[in-house]
């Protein structure tokens, strides 16, 4: 399943991501600041796996 997320406050994302257990992020541009991933971690409290692939 692929979805596109607009930057939102974690409480707004929790409705969509609250039960998420795995998250795979691909094709993240090199040099992209990854602090935004903290919003995803906060919005998905049941997350067990976070897999990030940065493109070269």
N, C-alpha and C. Protein backbone atom coordinates (compact mmCIF):
# COMPACT_ATOMS: atom_id res chain seq x y z
N UNK A 1 0.84 -1.17 0.00
CA UNK A 1 0.00 0.00 0.00
C UNK A 1 0.89 1.24 0.00
N UNK A 2 0.66 2.14 -0.91
CA UNK A 2 1.40 3.39 -0.96
C UNK A 2 0.45 4.54 -0.71
N UNK A 3 0.87 5.45 0.16
CA UNK A 3 0.07 6.64 0.43
C UNK A 3 0.97 7.86 0.40
N UNK A 4 0.37 9.01 0.17
CA UNK A 4 1.09 10.28 0.17
C UNK A 4 0.58 11.08 1.35
N UNK A 5 1.49 11.58 2.19
CA UNK A 5 1.10 12.36 3.36
C UNK A 5 1.57 13.79 3.23
N UNK A 6 0.69 14.69 3.52
CA UNK A 6 1.06 16.10 3.64
C UNK A 6 1.57 16.31 5.06
N UNK A 7 2.52 17.22 5.26
CA UNK A 7 2.98 17.49 6.63
C UNK A 7 1.81 17.98 7.49
N UNK A 8 1.57 17.29 8.56
CA UNK A 8 0.49 17.61 9.49
C UNK A 8 1.00 17.44 10.91
N UNK A 9 0.25 17.96 11.86
CA UNK A 9 0.58 17.74 13.26
C UNK A 9 0.34 16.27 13.57
N UNK A 10 1.17 15.65 14.43
CA UNK A 10 1.02 14.22 14.72
C UNK A 10 -0.38 13.81 15.17
N UNK A 11 -1.08 14.66 15.89
CA UNK A 11 -2.42 14.28 16.34
C UNK A 11 -3.37 14.12 15.16
N UNK A 12 -3.15 14.87 14.09
CA UNK A 12 -3.98 14.74 12.89
C UNK A 12 -3.60 13.49 12.10
N UNK A 13 -2.34 13.12 12.13
CA UNK A 13 -1.89 11.92 11.42
C UNK A 13 -2.24 10.64 12.16
N UNK A 14 -2.45 10.73 13.47
CA UNK A 14 -2.69 9.52 14.25
C UNK A 14 -3.92 8.76 13.79
N UNK A 15 -4.94 9.46 13.31
CA UNK A 15 -6.14 8.78 12.81
C UNK A 15 -5.79 7.85 11.65
N UNK A 16 -4.85 8.26 10.81
CA UNK A 16 -4.47 7.45 9.65
C UNK A 16 -3.37 6.44 9.98
N UNK A 17 -2.49 6.78 10.92
CA UNK A 17 -1.31 5.95 11.18
C UNK A 17 -1.31 5.26 12.54
N UNK A 18 -2.34 5.46 13.33
CA UNK A 18 -2.37 4.97 14.70
C UNK A 18 -2.16 3.48 14.87
N UNK A 19 -2.56 2.67 13.89
CA UNK A 19 -2.42 1.21 13.99
C UNK A 19 -1.29 0.67 13.12
N UNK A 20 -0.52 1.55 12.53
CA UNK A 20 0.56 1.15 11.64
C UNK A 20 1.65 0.42 12.42
N UNK A 21 2.10 -0.73 11.89
CA UNK A 21 3.16 -1.50 12.55
C UNK A 21 4.47 -1.48 11.77
N UNK A 22 4.39 -1.29 10.46
CA UNK A 22 5.59 -1.23 9.61
C UNK A 22 5.51 0.00 8.72
N UNK A 23 6.64 0.67 8.58
CA UNK A 23 6.70 1.83 7.69
C UNK A 23 8.00 1.76 6.90
N UNK A 24 7.87 1.75 5.58
CA UNK A 24 9.02 1.69 4.69
C UNK A 24 9.03 2.97 3.85
N UNK A 25 10.07 3.76 4.01
CA UNK A 25 10.21 5.01 3.26
C UNK A 25 11.31 4.83 2.24
N UNK A 26 10.99 5.04 0.97
CA UNK A 26 11.97 4.83 -0.10
C UNK A 26 12.15 6.09 -0.92
N UNK A 27 13.27 6.15 -1.60
CA UNK A 27 13.60 7.27 -2.49
C UNK A 27 13.61 8.62 -1.77
N UNK A 28 14.08 8.63 -0.53
CA UNK A 28 14.23 9.88 0.21
C UNK A 28 15.47 10.57 -0.36
N UNK A 29 15.34 11.82 -0.79
CA UNK A 29 16.48 12.51 -1.39
C UNK A 29 17.65 12.66 -0.41
N UNK A 30 18.86 12.43 -0.92
CA UNK A 30 20.07 12.61 -0.13
C UNK A 30 20.12 14.07 0.32
N UNK A 31 20.44 14.30 1.55
CA UNK A 31 20.50 15.67 2.06
C UNK A 31 19.19 16.14 2.67
N UNK A 32 18.15 15.34 2.56
CA UNK A 32 16.85 15.69 3.15
C UNK A 32 16.96 15.56 4.67
N UNK A 33 16.60 16.61 5.38
CA UNK A 33 16.64 16.56 6.84
C UNK A 33 15.56 15.60 7.32
N UNK A 34 15.92 14.64 8.14
CA UNK A 34 14.98 13.60 8.54
C UNK A 34 14.26 13.88 9.86
N UNK A 35 14.29 15.12 10.33
CA UNK A 35 13.59 15.43 11.58
C UNK A 35 12.09 15.23 11.46
N UNK A 36 11.55 15.29 10.24
CA UNK A 36 10.11 15.08 10.03
C UNK A 36 9.68 13.67 10.38
N UNK A 37 10.64 12.72 10.41
CA UNK A 37 10.27 11.36 10.77
C UNK A 37 9.80 11.27 12.22
N UNK A 38 10.19 12.22 13.06
CA UNK A 38 9.71 12.23 14.45
C UNK A 38 8.21 12.40 14.51
N UNK A 39 7.64 13.17 13.57
CA UNK A 39 6.19 13.31 13.51
C UNK A 39 5.53 11.97 13.20
N UNK A 40 6.13 11.21 12.31
CA UNK A 40 5.59 9.89 11.97
C UNK A 40 5.68 8.94 13.16
N UNK A 41 6.80 8.99 13.88
CA UNK A 41 6.95 8.13 15.05
C UNK A 41 5.93 8.46 16.13
N UNK A 42 5.67 9.74 16.32
CA UNK A 42 4.69 10.15 17.32
C UNK A 42 3.27 9.79 16.89
N UNK A 43 2.99 9.86 15.60
CA UNK A 43 1.65 9.58 15.08
C UNK A 43 1.36 8.08 15.01
N UNK A 44 2.40 7.26 15.04
CA UNK A 44 2.23 5.81 14.93
C UNK A 44 2.81 5.12 16.17
N UNK A 45 2.10 5.16 17.29
CA UNK A 45 2.65 4.63 18.54
C UNK A 45 2.87 3.11 18.54
N UNK A 46 2.22 2.38 17.64
CA UNK A 46 2.38 0.92 17.58
C UNK A 46 3.46 0.48 16.59
N UNK A 47 4.16 1.44 15.99
CA UNK A 47 5.16 1.14 14.97
C UNK A 47 6.26 0.25 15.54
N UNK A 48 6.54 -0.85 14.85
CA UNK A 48 7.58 -1.79 15.25
C UNK A 48 8.79 -1.72 14.32
N UNK A 49 8.56 -1.37 13.05
CA UNK A 49 9.63 -1.33 12.06
C UNK A 49 9.58 -0.02 11.29
N UNK A 50 10.71 0.68 11.25
CA UNK A 50 10.86 1.88 10.43
C UNK A 50 12.06 1.65 9.53
N UNK A 51 11.82 1.59 8.23
CA UNK A 51 12.85 1.30 7.24
C UNK A 51 12.97 2.51 6.32
N UNK A 52 14.15 3.16 6.32
CA UNK A 52 14.35 4.36 5.52
C UNK A 52 15.46 4.09 4.50
N UNK A 53 15.15 4.32 3.22
CA UNK A 53 16.14 4.18 2.15
C UNK A 53 16.35 5.54 1.50
N UNK A 54 17.59 6.00 1.56
CA UNK A 54 17.95 7.28 0.96
C UNK A 54 18.52 7.01 -0.43
N UNK A 55 18.03 7.76 -1.43
CA UNK A 55 18.55 7.56 -2.78
C UNK A 55 19.90 8.27 -2.91
N UNK A 56 20.76 7.70 -3.74
CA UNK A 56 22.11 8.25 -3.89
C UNK A 56 22.23 9.23 -5.01
